[in-house]
Amino acid sequence: MASISQLACIYSALILHDDKVTVTEDKINTLIKAAGVNVEPFWPSLFAKALANINIGSLVCNIGAGGPAPAAGPQPAGGPAPSTAVAPAEKKVEAKKKVGRL
């Protein structure tokens, strides 16, 4: 779980991003001070440096994405072959239909 200091920096960075303001150590500190939160002095600097070259909007929007989607098209050589086997549930349904026709 994130500490109060970390949460204060995260929320400050999100507020700055939402206002379309560049995330810097000074601006994070200003928001934290205005909120009346006590933060260890290294956190704002750490967050500002970590977010310097990050697209925060993309980060927020893709938080649960887990990476890019696989490309459509043929499987590469040696990849798994498409399954043509009938699932067990389908076999039971087919067997019942055949028995009913007898």
PDB file of N, CA and C in Angstrom:
ATOM      1  N   MET A   1       0.843  -1.173   0.000  1.00  0.00           N
ATOM      2  CA  MET A   1       0.000   0.000   0.000  1.00  0.00           C
ATOM      3  C   MET A   1       0.892   1.240   0.000  1.00  0.00           C
ATOM      4  N   ALA A   2       0.440   2.236  -0.710  1.00  0.00           N
ATOM      5  CA  ALA A   2       1.209   3.479  -0.818  1.00  0.00           C
ATOM      6  C   ALA A   2       1.125   4.269   0.488  1.00  0.00           C
ATOM      7  N   SER A   3       2.208   4.955   0.785  1.00  0.00           N
ATOM      8  CA  SER A   3       2.247   5.795   1.982  1.00  0.00           C
ATOM      9  C   SER A   3       1.531   7.123   1.709  1.00  0.00           C
ATOM     10  N   ILE A   4       1.305   7.873   2.753  1.00  0.00           N
ATOM     11  CA  ILE A   4       0.676   9.196   2.627  1.00  0.00           C
ATOM     12  C   ILE A   4       1.518  10.080   1.712  1.00  0.00           C
ATOM     13  N   SER A   5       2.829  10.011   1.857  1.00  0.00           N
ATOM     14  CA  SER A   5       3.722  10.834   1.024  1.00  0.00           C
ATOM     15  C   SER A   5       3.590  10.477  -0.447  1.00  0.00           C
ATOM     16  N   GLN A   6       3.550   9.184  -0.726  1.00  0.00           N
ATOM     17  CA  GLN A   6       3.422   8.742  -2.113  1.00  0.00           C
ATOM     18  C   GLN A   6       2.073   9.161  -2.692  1.00  0.00           C
ATOM     19  N   LEU A   7       1.015   8.962  -1.923  1.00  0.00           N
ATOM     20  CA  LEU A   7      -0.311   9.348  -2.396  1.00  0.00           C
ATOM     21  C   LEU A   7      -0.408  10.853  -2.641  1.00  0.00           C
ATOM     22  N   ALA A   8       0.193  11.633  -1.770  1.00  0.00           N
ATOM     23  CA  ALA A   8       0.182  13.088  -1.956  1.00  0.00           C
ATOM     24  C   ALA A   8       0.871  13.474  -3.263  1.00  0.00           C
ATOM     25  N   CYS A   9       1.974  12.822  -3.567  1.00  0.00           N
ATOM     26  CA  CYS A   9       2.693  13.106  -4.818  1.00  0.00           C
ATOM     27  C   CYS A   9       1.908  12.621  -6.034  1.00  0.00           C
ATOM     28  N   ILE A  10       1.289  11.460  -5.912  1.00  0.00           N
ATOM     29  CA  ILE A  10       0.491  10.925  -7.028  1.00  0.00           C
ATOM     30  C   ILE A  10      -0.672  11.866  -7.331  1.00  0.00           C
ATOM     31  N   TYR A  11      -1.411  12.236  -6.286  1.00  0.00           N
ATOM     32  CA  TYR A  11      -2.555  13.126  -6.491  1.00  0.00           C
ATOM     33  C   TYR A  11      -2.107  14.483  -7.024  1.00  0.00           C
ATOM     34  N   SER A  12      -0.996  14.985  -6.540  1.00  0.00           N
ATOM     35  CA  SER A  12      -0.478  16.262  -7.040  1.00  0.00           C
ATOM     36  C   SER A  12      -0.138  16.168  -8.523  1.00  0.00           C
ATOM     37  N   ALA A  13       0.511  15.084  -8.917  1.00  0.00           N
ATOM     38  CA  ALA A  13       0.864  14.895 -10.327  1.00  0.00           C
ATOM     39  C   ALA A  13      -0.391  14.791 -11.190  1.00  0.00           C
ATOM     40  N   LEU A  14      -1.410  14.100 -10.700  1.00  0.00           N
ATOM     41  CA  LEU A  14      -2.657  13.990 -11.462  1.00  0.00           C
ATOM     42  C   LEU A  14      -3.370  15.336 -11.574  1.00  0.00           C
ATOM     43  N   ILE A  15      -3.353  16.111 -10.521  1.00  0.00           N
ATOM     44  CA  ILE A  15      -3.964  17.450 -10.558  1.00  0.00           C
ATOM     45  C   ILE A  15      -3.237  18.330 -11.565  1.00  0.00           C
ATOM     46  N   LEU A  16      -1.909  18.300 -11.519  1.00  0.00           N
ATOM     47  CA  LEU A  16      -1.124  19.096 -12.465  1.00  0.00           C
ATOM     48  C   LEU A  16      -1.394  18.664 -13.905  1.00  0.00           C
ATOM     49  N   HIS A  17      -1.443  17.359 -14.127  1.00  0.00           N
ATOM     50  CA  HIS A  17      -1.723  16.855 -15.475  1.00  0.00           C
ATOM     51  C   HIS A  17      -3.112  17.294 -15.939  1.00  0.00           C
ATOM     52  N   ASP A  18      -4.095  17.194 -15.051  1.00  0.00           N
ATOM     53  CA  ASP A  18      -5.457  17.563 -15.401  1.00  0.00           C
ATOM     54  C   ASP A  18      -5.557  19.046 -15.761  1.00  0.00           C
ATOM     55  N   ASP A  19      -4.740  19.873 -15.117  1.00  0.00           N
ATOM     56  CA  ASP A  19      -4.712  21.306 -15.411  1.00  0.00           C
ATOM     57  C   ASP A  19      -3.763  21.653 -16.559  1.00  0.00           C
ATOM     58  N   LYS A  20      -3.203  20.615 -17.184  1.00  0.00           N
ATOM     59  CA  LYS A  20      -2.270  20.777 -18.310  1.00  0.00           C
ATOM     60  C   LYS A  20      -1.044  21.596 -17.925  1.00  0.00           C
ATOM     61  N   VAL A  21      -0.530  21.304 -16.717  1.00  0.00           N
ATOM     62  CA  VAL A  21       0.661  21.974 -16.190  1.00  0.00           C
ATOM     63  C   VAL A  21       1.771  20.931 -16.119  1.00  0.00           C
ATOM     64  N   THR A  22       2.976  21.319 -16.491  1.00  0.00           N
ATOM     65  CA  THR A  22       4.119  20.410 -16.431  1.00  0.00           C
ATOM     66  C   THR A  22       4.382  20.004 -14.981  1.00  0.00           C
ATOM     67  N   VAL A  23       4.591  18.714 -14.781  1.00  0.00           N
ATOM     68  CA  VAL A  23       4.845  18.189 -13.434  1.00  0.00           C
ATOM     69  C   VAL A  23       6.304  18.451 -13.071  1.00  0.00           C
ATOM     70  N   THR A  24       6.498  19.287 -12.063  1.00  0.00           N
ATOM     71  CA  THR A  24       7.849  19.574 -11.568  1.00  0.00           C
ATOM     72  C   THR A  24       7.855  19.408 -10.052  1.00  0.00           C
ATOM     73  N   GLU A  25       9.044  19.318  -9.498  1.00  0.00           N
ATOM     74  CA  GLU A  25       9.189  19.181  -8.052  1.00  0.00           C
ATOM     75  C   GLU A  25       8.570  20.371  -7.324  1.00  0.00           C
ATOM     76  N   ASP A  26       8.830  21.573  -7.806  1.00  0.00           N
ATOM     77  CA  ASP A  26       8.310  22.781  -7.156  1.00  0.00           C
ATOM     78  C   ASP A  26       6.781  22.814  -7.156  1.00  0.00           C
ATOM     79  N   LYS A  27       6.182  22.419  -8.272  1.00  0.00           N
ATOM     80  CA  LYS A  27       4.726  22.454  -8.373  1.00  0.00           C
ATOM     81  C   LYS A  27       4.090  21.368  -7.505  1.00  0.00           C
ATOM     82  N   ILE A  28       4.726  20.202  -7.427  1.00  0.00           N
ATOM     83  CA  ILE A  28       4.236  19.145  -6.524  1.00  0.00           C
ATOM     84  C   ILE A  28       4.315  19.644  -5.083  1.00  0.00           C
ATOM     85  N   ASN A  29       5.455  20.244  -4.724  1.00  0.00           N
ATOM     86  CA  ASN A  29       5.620  20.778  -3.367  1.00  0.00           C
ATOM     87  C   ASN A  29       4.584  21.845  -3.038  1.00  0.00           C
ATOM     88  N   THR A  30       4.267  22.694  -4.004  1.00  0.00           N
ATOM     89  CA  THR A  30       3.282  23.752  -3.788  1.00  0.00           C
ATOM     90  C   THR A  30       1.910  23.163  -3.471  1.00  0.00           C
ATOM     91  N   LEU A  31       1.498  22.156  -4.231  1.00  0.00           N
ATOM     92  CA  LEU A  31       0.202  21.525  -3.984  1.00  0.00           C
ATOM     93  C   LEU A  31       0.175  20.793  -2.647  1.00  0.00           C
ATOM     94  N   ILE A  32       1.268  20.107  -2.342  1.00  0.00           N
ATOM     95  CA  ILE A  32       1.338  19.366  -1.079  1.00  0.00           C
ATOM     96  C   ILE A  32       1.277  20.327   0.108  1.00  0.00           C
ATOM     97  N   LYS A  33       1.994  21.446  -0.007  1.00  0.00           N
ATOM     98  CA  LYS A  33       1.987  22.447   1.073  1.00  0.00           C
ATOM     99  C   LYS A  33       0.591  23.041   1.234  1.00  0.00           C
ATOM    100  N   ALA A  34      -0.077  23.316   0.111  1.00  0.00           N
ATOM    101  CA  ALA A  34      -1.428  23.875   0.163  1.00  0.00           C
ATOM    102  C   ALA A  34      -2.415  22.893   0.805  1.00  0.00           C
ATOM    103  N   ALA A  35      -2.151  21.594   0.631  1.00  0.00           N
ATOM    104  CA  ALA A  35      -3.022  20.574   1.217  1.00  0.00           C
ATOM    105  C   ALA A  35      -2.721  20.345   2.688  1.00  0.00           C
ATOM    106  N   GLY A  36      -1.600  20.857   3.162  1.00  0.00           N
ATOM    107  CA  GLY A  36      -1.232  20.694   4.561  1.00  0.00           C
ATOM    108  C   GLY A  36      -0.738  19.299   4.904  1.00  0.00           C
ATOM    109  N   VAL A  37      -0.119  18.630   3.927  1.00  0.00           N
ATOM    110  CA  VAL A  37       0.377  17.266   4.139  1.00  0.00           C
ATOM    111  C   VAL A  37       1.882  17.313   4.384  1.00  0.00           C
ATOM    112  N   ASN A  38       2.337  16.548   5.368  1.00  0.00           N
ATOM    113  CA  ASN A  38       3.777  16.437   5.616  1.00  0.00           C
ATOM    114  C   ASN A  38       4.334  15.295   4.788  1.00  0.00           C
ATOM    115  N   VAL A  39       5.328  15.610   3.966  1.00  0.00           N
ATOM    116  CA  VAL A  39       5.917  14.641   3.050  1.00  0.00           C
ATOM    117  C   VAL A  39       7.423  14.642   3.227  1.00  0.00           C
ATOM    118  N   GLU A  40       8.023  13.456   3.182  1.00  0.00           N
ATOM    119  CA  GLU A  40       9.480  13.391   3.202  1.00  0.00           C
ATOM    120  C   GLU A  40       9.993  14.142   1.977  1.00  0.00           C
ATOM    121  N   PRO A  41      11.064  14.912   2.122  1.00  0.00           N
ATOM    122  CA  PRO A  41      11.491  15.817   1.047  1.00  0.00           C
ATOM    123  C   PRO A  41      11.936  15.144  -0.253  1.00  0.00           C
ATOM    124  N   PHE A  42      12.263  13.876  -0.230  1.00  0.00           N
ATOM    125  CA  PHE A  42      12.751  13.238  -1.460  1.00  0.00           C
ATOM    126  C   PHE A  42      11.621  12.808  -2.397  1.00  0.00           C
ATOM    127  N   TRP A  43      10.391  12.656  -1.889  1.00  0.00           N
ATOM    128  CA  TRP A  43       9.301  12.157  -2.722  1.00  0.00           C
ATOM    129  C   TRP A  43       8.931  13.064  -3.890  1.00  0.00           C
ATOM    130  N   PRO A  44       8.727  14.359  -3.703  1.00  0.00           N
ATOM    131  CA  PRO A  44       8.372  15.207  -4.849  1.00  0.00           C
ATOM    132  C   PRO A  44       9.431  15.179  -5.953  1.00  0.00           C
ATOM    133  N   SER A  45      10.687  15.196  -5.561  1.00  0.00           N
ATOM    134  CA  SER A  45      11.763  15.145  -6.548  1.00  0.00           C
ATOM    135  C   SER A  45      11.747  13.819  -7.303  1.00  0.00           C
ATOM    136  N   LEU A  46      11.550  12.750  -6.577  1.00  0.00           N
ATOM    137  CA  LEU A  46      11.519  11.415  -7.183  1.00  0.00           C
ATOM    138  C   LEU A  46      10.375  11.303  -8.191  1.00  0.00           C
ATOM    139  N   PHE A  47       9.197  11.761  -7.805  1.00  0.00           N
ATOM    140  CA  PHE A  47       8.049  11.694  -8.707  1.00  0.00           C
ATOM    141  C   PHE A  47       8.235  12.591  -9.921  1.00  0.00           C
ATOM    142  N   ALA A  48       8.754  13.790  -9.713  1.00  0.00           N
ATOM    143  CA  ALA A  48       8.964  14.711 -10.836  1.00  0.00           C
ATOM    144  C   ALA A  48       9.938  14.118 -11.849  1.00  0.00           C
ATOM    145  N   LYS A  49      11.018  13.507 -11.362  1.00  0.00           N
ATOM    146  CA  LYS A  49      11.995  12.897 -12.269  1.00  0.00           C
ATOM    147  C   LYS A  49      11.419  11.673 -12.959  1.00  0.00           C
ATOM    148  N   ALA A  50      10.633  10.875 -12.234  1.00  0.00           N
ATOM    149  CA  ALA A  50      10.052   9.670 -12.813  1.00  0.00           C
ATOM    150  C   ALA A  50       9.022   9.997 -13.895  1.00  0.00           C
ATOM    151  N   LEU A  51       8.325  11.104 -13.742  1.00  0.00           N
ATOM    152  CA  LEU A  51       7.272  11.476 -14.689  1.00  0.00           C
ATOM    153  C   LEU A  51       7.724  12.454 -15.758  1.00  0.00           C
ATOM    154  N   ALA A  52       8.999  12.813 -15.750  1.00  0.00           N
ATOM    155  CA  ALA A  52       9.507  13.829 -16.679  1.00  0.00           C
ATOM    156  C   ALA A  52       9.259  13.472 -18.142  1.00  0.00           C
ATOM    157  N   ASN A  53       9.475  12.243 -18.532  1.00  0.00           N
ATOM    158  CA  ASN A  53       9.337  11.847 -19.938  1.00  0.00           C
ATOM    159  C   ASN A  53       8.190  10.864 -20.144  1.00  0.00           C
ATOM    160  N   ILE A  54       7.194  10.915 -19.276  1.00  0.00           N
ATOM    161  CA  ILE A  54       6.068   9.993 -19.337  1.00  0.00           C
ATOM    162  C   ILE A  54       4.817  10.745 -19.769  1.00  0.00           C
ATOM    163  N   ASN A  55       4.038  10.129 -20.647  1.00  0.00           N
ATOM    164  CA  ASN A  55       2.745  10.676 -21.028  1.00  0.00           C
ATOM    165  C   ASN A  55       1.745  10.200 -19.967  1.00  0.00           C
ATOM    166  N   ILE A  56       1.433  11.049 -19.021  1.00  0.00           N
ATOM    167  CA  ILE A  56       0.588  10.681 -17.888  1.00  0.00           C
ATOM    168  C   ILE A  56      -0.811  10.288 -18.358  1.00  0.00           C
ATOM    169  N   GLY A  57      -1.341  10.974 -19.345  1.00  0.00           N
ATOM    170  CA  GLY A  57      -2.666  10.634 -19.874  1.00  0.00           C
ATOM    171  C   GLY A  57      -2.708   9.227 -20.419  1.00  0.00           C
ATOM    172  N   SER A  58      -1.692   8.843 -21.160  1.00  0.00           N
ATOM    173  CA  SER A  58      -1.611   7.487 -21.698  1.00  0.00           C
ATOM    174  C   SER A  58      -1.444   6.466 -20.581  1.00  0.00           C
ATOM    175  N   LEU A  59      -0.654   6.829 -19.584  1.00  0.00           N
ATOM    176  CA  LEU A  59      -0.437   5.944 -18.441  1.00  0.00           C
ATOM    177  C   LEU A  59      -1.744   5.674 -17.706  1.00  0.00           C
ATOM    178  N   VAL A  60      -2.527   6.705 -17.489  1.00  0.00           N
ATOM    179  CA  VAL A  60      -3.789   6.561 -16.775  1.00  0.00           C
ATOM    180  C   VAL A  60      -4.796   5.771 -17.611  1.00  0.00           C
ATOM    181  N   CYS A  61      -4.863   6.047 -18.893  1.00  0.00           N
ATOM    182  CA  CYS A  61      -5.849   5.386 -19.754  1.00  0.00           C
ATOM    183  C   CYS A  61      -5.533   3.914 -19.999  1.00  0.00           C
ATOM    184  N   ASN A  62      -4.277   3.532 -19.914  1.00  0.00           N
ATOM    185  CA  ASN A  62      -3.886   2.159 -20.213  1.00  0.00           C
ATOM    186  C   ASN A  62      -3.461   1.389 -18.979  1.00  0.00           C
ATOM    187  N   ILE A  63      -3.950   1.778 -17.826  1.00  0.00           N
ATOM    188  CA  ILE A  63      -3.477   1.182 -16.584  1.00  0.00           C
ATOM    189  C   ILE A  63      -3.759  -0.311 -16.493  1.00  0.00           C
ATOM    190  N   GLY A  64      -4.819  -0.801 -17.060  1.00  0.00           N
ATOM    191  CA  GLY A  64      -5.125  -2.223 -16.984  1.00  0.00           C
ATOM    192  C   GLY A  64      -4.958  -2.942 -18.301  1.00  0.00           C
ATOM    193  N   ALA A  65      -4.350  -2.302 -19.266  1.00  0.00           N
ATOM    194  CA  ALA A  65      -4.268  -2.885 -20.597  1.00  0.00           C
ATOM    195  C   ALA A  65      -3.321  -4.069 -20.674  1.00  0.00           C
ATOM    196  N   GLY A  66      -2.231  -4.063 -19.977  1.00  0.00           N
ATOM    197  CA  GLY A  66      -1.309  -5.194 -20.001  1.00  0.00           C
ATOM    198  C   GLY A  66      -0.468  -5.298 -21.263  1.00  0.00           C
ATOM    199  N   GLY A  67      -0.400  -4.277 -22.043  1.00  0.00           N
ATOM    200  CA  GLY A  67       0.440  -4.307 -23.238  1.00  0.00           C
ATOM    201  C   GLY A  67      -0.397  -4.226 -24.501  1.00  0.00           C
ATOM    202  N   PRO A  68       0.277  -4.136 -25.631  1.00  0.00           N
ATOM    203  CA  PRO A  68      -0.441  -4.002 -26.897  1.00  0.00           C
ATOM    204  C   PRO A  68      -1.173  -5.279 -27.270  1.00  0.00           C
ATOM    205  N   ALA A  69      -2.252  -5.127 -28.006  1.00  0.00           N
ATOM    206  CA  ALA A  69      -3.025  -6.281 -28.460  1.00  0.00           C
ATOM    207  C   ALA A  69      -2.243  -7.010 -29.553  1.00  0.00           C
ATOM    208  N   PRO A  70      -2.404  -8.320 -29.659  1.00  0.00           N
ATOM    209  CA  PRO A  70      -1.696  -9.055 -30.700  1.00  0.00           C
ATOM    210  C   PRO A  70      -2.203  -8.643 -32.077  1.00  0.00           C
ATOM    211  N   ALA A  71      -1.309  -8.646 -33.025  1.00  0.00           N
ATOM    212  CA  ALA A  71      -1.659  -8.261 -34.388  1.00  0.00           C
ATOM    213  C   ALA A  71      -2.519  -9.342 -35.025  1.00  0.00           C
ATOM    214  N   ALA A  72      -3.479  -8.919 -35.845  1.00  0.00           N
ATOM    215  CA  ALA A  72      -4.319  -9.871 -36.557  1.00  0.00           C
ATOM    216  C   ALA A  72      -3.549 -10.413 -37.745  1.00  0.00           C
ATOM    217  N   GLY A  73      -3.905 -11.577 -38.177  1.00  0.00           N
ATOM    218  CA  GLY A  73      -3.256 -12.158 -39.337  1.00  0.00           C
ATOM    219  C   GLY A  73      -2.817 -13.571 -39.065  1.00  0.00           C
ATOM    220  N   PRO A  74      -2.102 -14.152 -40.020  1.00  0.00           N
ATOM    221  CA  PRO A  74      -1.700 -15.553 -39.876  1.00  0.00           C
ATOM    222  C   PRO A  74      -0.716 -15.744 -38.731  1.00  0.00           C
ATOM    223  N   GLN A  75      -0.755 -16.925 -38.155  1.00  0.00           N
ATOM    224  CA  GLN A  75       0.169 -17.280 -37.091  1.00  0.00           C
ATOM    225  C   GLN A  75       1.559 -17.473 -37.683  1.00  0.00           C
ATOM    226  N   PRO A  76       2.625 -17.119 -36.953  1.00  0.00           N
ATOM    227  CA  PRO A  76       3.970 -17.378 -37.455  1.00  0.00           C
ATOM    228  C   PRO A  76       4.222 -18.881 -37.521  1.00  0.00           C
ATOM    229  N   ALA A  77       5.153 -19.284 -38.382  1.00  0.00           N
ATOM    230  CA  ALA A  77       5.485 -20.706 -38.528  1.00  0.00           C
ATOM    231  C   ALA A  77       5.871 -21.287 -37.174  1.00  0.00           C
ATOM    232  N   GLY A  78       5.362 -22.455 -36.892  1.00  0.00           N
ATOM    233  CA  GLY A  78       5.683 -23.106 -35.630  1.00  0.00           C
ATOM    234  C   GLY A  78       4.732 -22.732 -34.515  1.00  0.00           C
ATOM    235  N   GLY A  79       3.794 -21.827 -34.786  1.00  0.00           N
ATOM    236  CA  GLY A  79       2.825 -21.428 -33.770  1.00  0.00           C
ATOM    237  C   GLY A  79       1.783 -22.504 -33.586  1.00  0.00           C
ATOM    238  N   PRO A  80       0.910 -22.357 -32.638  1.00  0.00           N
ATOM    239  CA  PRO A  80      -0.109 -23.377 -32.398  1.00  0.00           C
ATOM    240  C   PRO A  80      -1.079 -23.470 -33.563  1.00  0.00           C
ATOM    241  N   ALA A  81      -1.443 -24.683 -33.895  1.00  0.00           N
ATOM    242  CA  ALA A  81      -2.384 -24.915 -34.980  1.00  0.00           C
ATOM    243  C   ALA A  81      -3.795 -24.647 -34.482  1.00  0.00           C
ATOM    244  N   PRO A  82      -4.674 -24.179 -35.352  1.00  0.00           N
ATOM    245  CA  PRO A  82      -6.048 -23.954 -34.923  1.00  0.00           C
ATOM    246  C   PRO A  82      -6.685 -25.277 -34.504  1.00  0.00           C
ATOM    247  N   SER A  83      -7.502 -25.232 -33.477  1.00  0.00           N
ATOM    248  CA  SER A  83      -8.129 -26.440 -32.952  1.00  0.00           C
ATOM    249  C   SER A  83      -9.356 -26.786 -33.772  1.00  0.00           C
ATOM    250  N   THR A  84      -9.448 -28.048 -34.199  1.00  0.00           N
ATOM    251  CA  THR A  84     -10.631 -28.520 -34.918  1.00  0.00           C
ATOM    252  C   THR A  84     -11.385 -29.538 -34.088  1.00  0.00           C
ATOM    253  N   ALA A  85     -10.902 -29.803 -32.880  1.00  0.00           N
ATOM    254  CA  ALA A  85     -11.556 -30.778 -32.015  1.00  0.00           C
ATOM    255  C   ALA A  85     -12.878 -30.220 -31.496  1.00  0.00           C
ATOM    256  N   VAL A  86     -13.835 -31.099 -31.302  1.00  0.00           N
ATOM    257  CA  VAL A  86     -15.130 -30.714 -30.777  1.00  0.00           C
ATOM    258  C   VAL A  86     -15.033 -30.714 -29.259  1.00  0.00           C
ATOM    259  N   ALA A  87     -15.551 -29.684 -28.647  1.00  0.00           N
ATOM    260  CA  ALA A  87     -15.524 -29.585 -27.196  1.00  0.00           C
ATOM    261  C   ALA A  87     -16.390 -30.679 -26.589  1.00  0.00           C
ATOM    262  N   PRO A  88     -16.070 -31.169 -25.381  1.00  0.00           N
ATOM    263  CA  PRO A  88     -16.848 -32.243 -24.751  1.00  0.00           C
ATOM    264  C   PRO A  88     -18.336 -31.933 -24.634  1.00  0.00           C
ATOM    265  N   ALA A  89     -18.690 -30.696 -24.325  1.00  0.00           N
ATOM    266  CA  ALA A  89     -20.107 -30.342 -24.203  1.00  0.00           C
ATOM    267  C   ALA A  89     -20.821 -30.485 -25.540  1.00  0.00           C
ATOM    268  N   GLU A  90     -20.132 -30.145 -26.622  1.00  0.00           N
ATOM    269  CA  GLU A  90     -20.727 -30.267 -27.949  1.00  0.00           C
ATOM    270  C   GLU A  90     -20.922 -31.731 -28.308  1.00  0.00           C
ATOM    271  N   LYS A  91     -20.007 -32.602 -27.898  1.00  0.00           N
ATOM    272  CA  LYS A  91     -20.134 -34.033 -28.172  1.00  0.00           C
ATOM    273  C   LYS A  91     -21.381 -34.598 -27.507  1.00  0.00           C
ATOM    274  N   LYS A  92     -21.657 -34.180 -26.261  1.00  0.00           N
ATOM    275  CA  LYS A  92     -22.825 -34.665 -25.533  1.00  0.00           C
ATOM    276  C   LYS A  92     -24.106 -34.236 -26.227  1.00  0.00           C
ATOM    277  N   VAL A  93     -24.143 -32.984 -26.702  1.00  0.00           N
ATOM    278  CA  VAL A  93     -25.332 -32.480 -27.381  1.00  0.00           C
ATOM    279  C   VAL A  93     -25.553 -33.265 -28.669  1.00  0.00           C
ATOM    280  N   GLU A  94     -24.475 -33.508 -29.428  1.00  0.00           N
ATOM    281  CA  GLU A  94     -24.604 -34.261 -30.671  1.00  0.00           C
ATOM    282  C   GLU A  94     -25.066 -35.678 -30.392  1.00  0.00           C
ATOM    283  N   ALA A  95     -24.549 -36.306 -29.339  1.00  0.00           N
ATOM    284  CA  ALA A  95     -24.939 -37.673 -28.997  1.00  0.00           C
ATOM    285  C   ALA A  95     -26.422 -37.724 -28.635  1.00  0.00           C
ATOM    286  N   LYS A  96     -26.929 -36.742 -27.889  1.00  0.00           N
ATOM    287  CA  LYS A  96     -28.343 -36.711 -27.517  1.00  0.00           C
ATOM    288  C   LYS A  96     -29.227 -36.538 -28.742  1.00  0.00           C
ATOM    289  N   LYS A  97     -28.785 -35.723 -29.697  1.00  0.00           N
ATOM    290  CA  LYS A  97     -29.576 -35.524 -30.918  1.00  0.00           C
ATOM    291  C   LYS A  97     -29.664 -36.814 -31.711  1.00  0.00           C
ATOM    292  N   LYS A  98     -28.553 -37.557 -31.778  1.00  0.00           N
ATOM    293  CA  LYS A  98     -28.553 -38.806 -32.522  1.00  0.00           C
ATOM    294  C   LYS A  98     -29.454 -39.829 -31.848  1.00  0.00           C
ATOM    295  N   VAL A  99     -29.425 -39.903 -30.533  1.00  0.00           N
ATOM    296  CA  VAL A  99     -30.260 -40.853 -29.803  1.00  0.00           C
ATOM    297  C   VAL A  99     -31.739 -40.510 -29.998  1.00  0.00           C
ATOM    298  N   GLY A 100     -32.057 -39.224 -30.001  1.00  0.00           N
ATOM    299  CA  GLY A 100     -33.452 -38.793 -30.175  1.00  0.00           C
ATOM    300  C   GLY A 100     -33.994 -39.114 -31.553  1.00  0.00           C
ATOM    301  N   ARG A 101     -33.140 -39.226 -32.543  1.00  0.00           N
ATOM    302  CA  ARG A 101     -33.576 -39.505 -33.922  1.00  0.00           C
ATOM    303  C   ARG A 101     -33.832 -40.990 -34.143  1.00  0.00           C
ATOM    304  N   LEU A 102     -33.326 -41.829 -33.322  1.00  0.00           N
ATOM    305  CA  LEU A 102     -33.473 -43.279 -33.512  1.00  0.00           C
ATOM    306  C   LEU A 102     -34.840 -43.755 -33.303  1.00  0.00           C
TER     307      LEU A 102
END
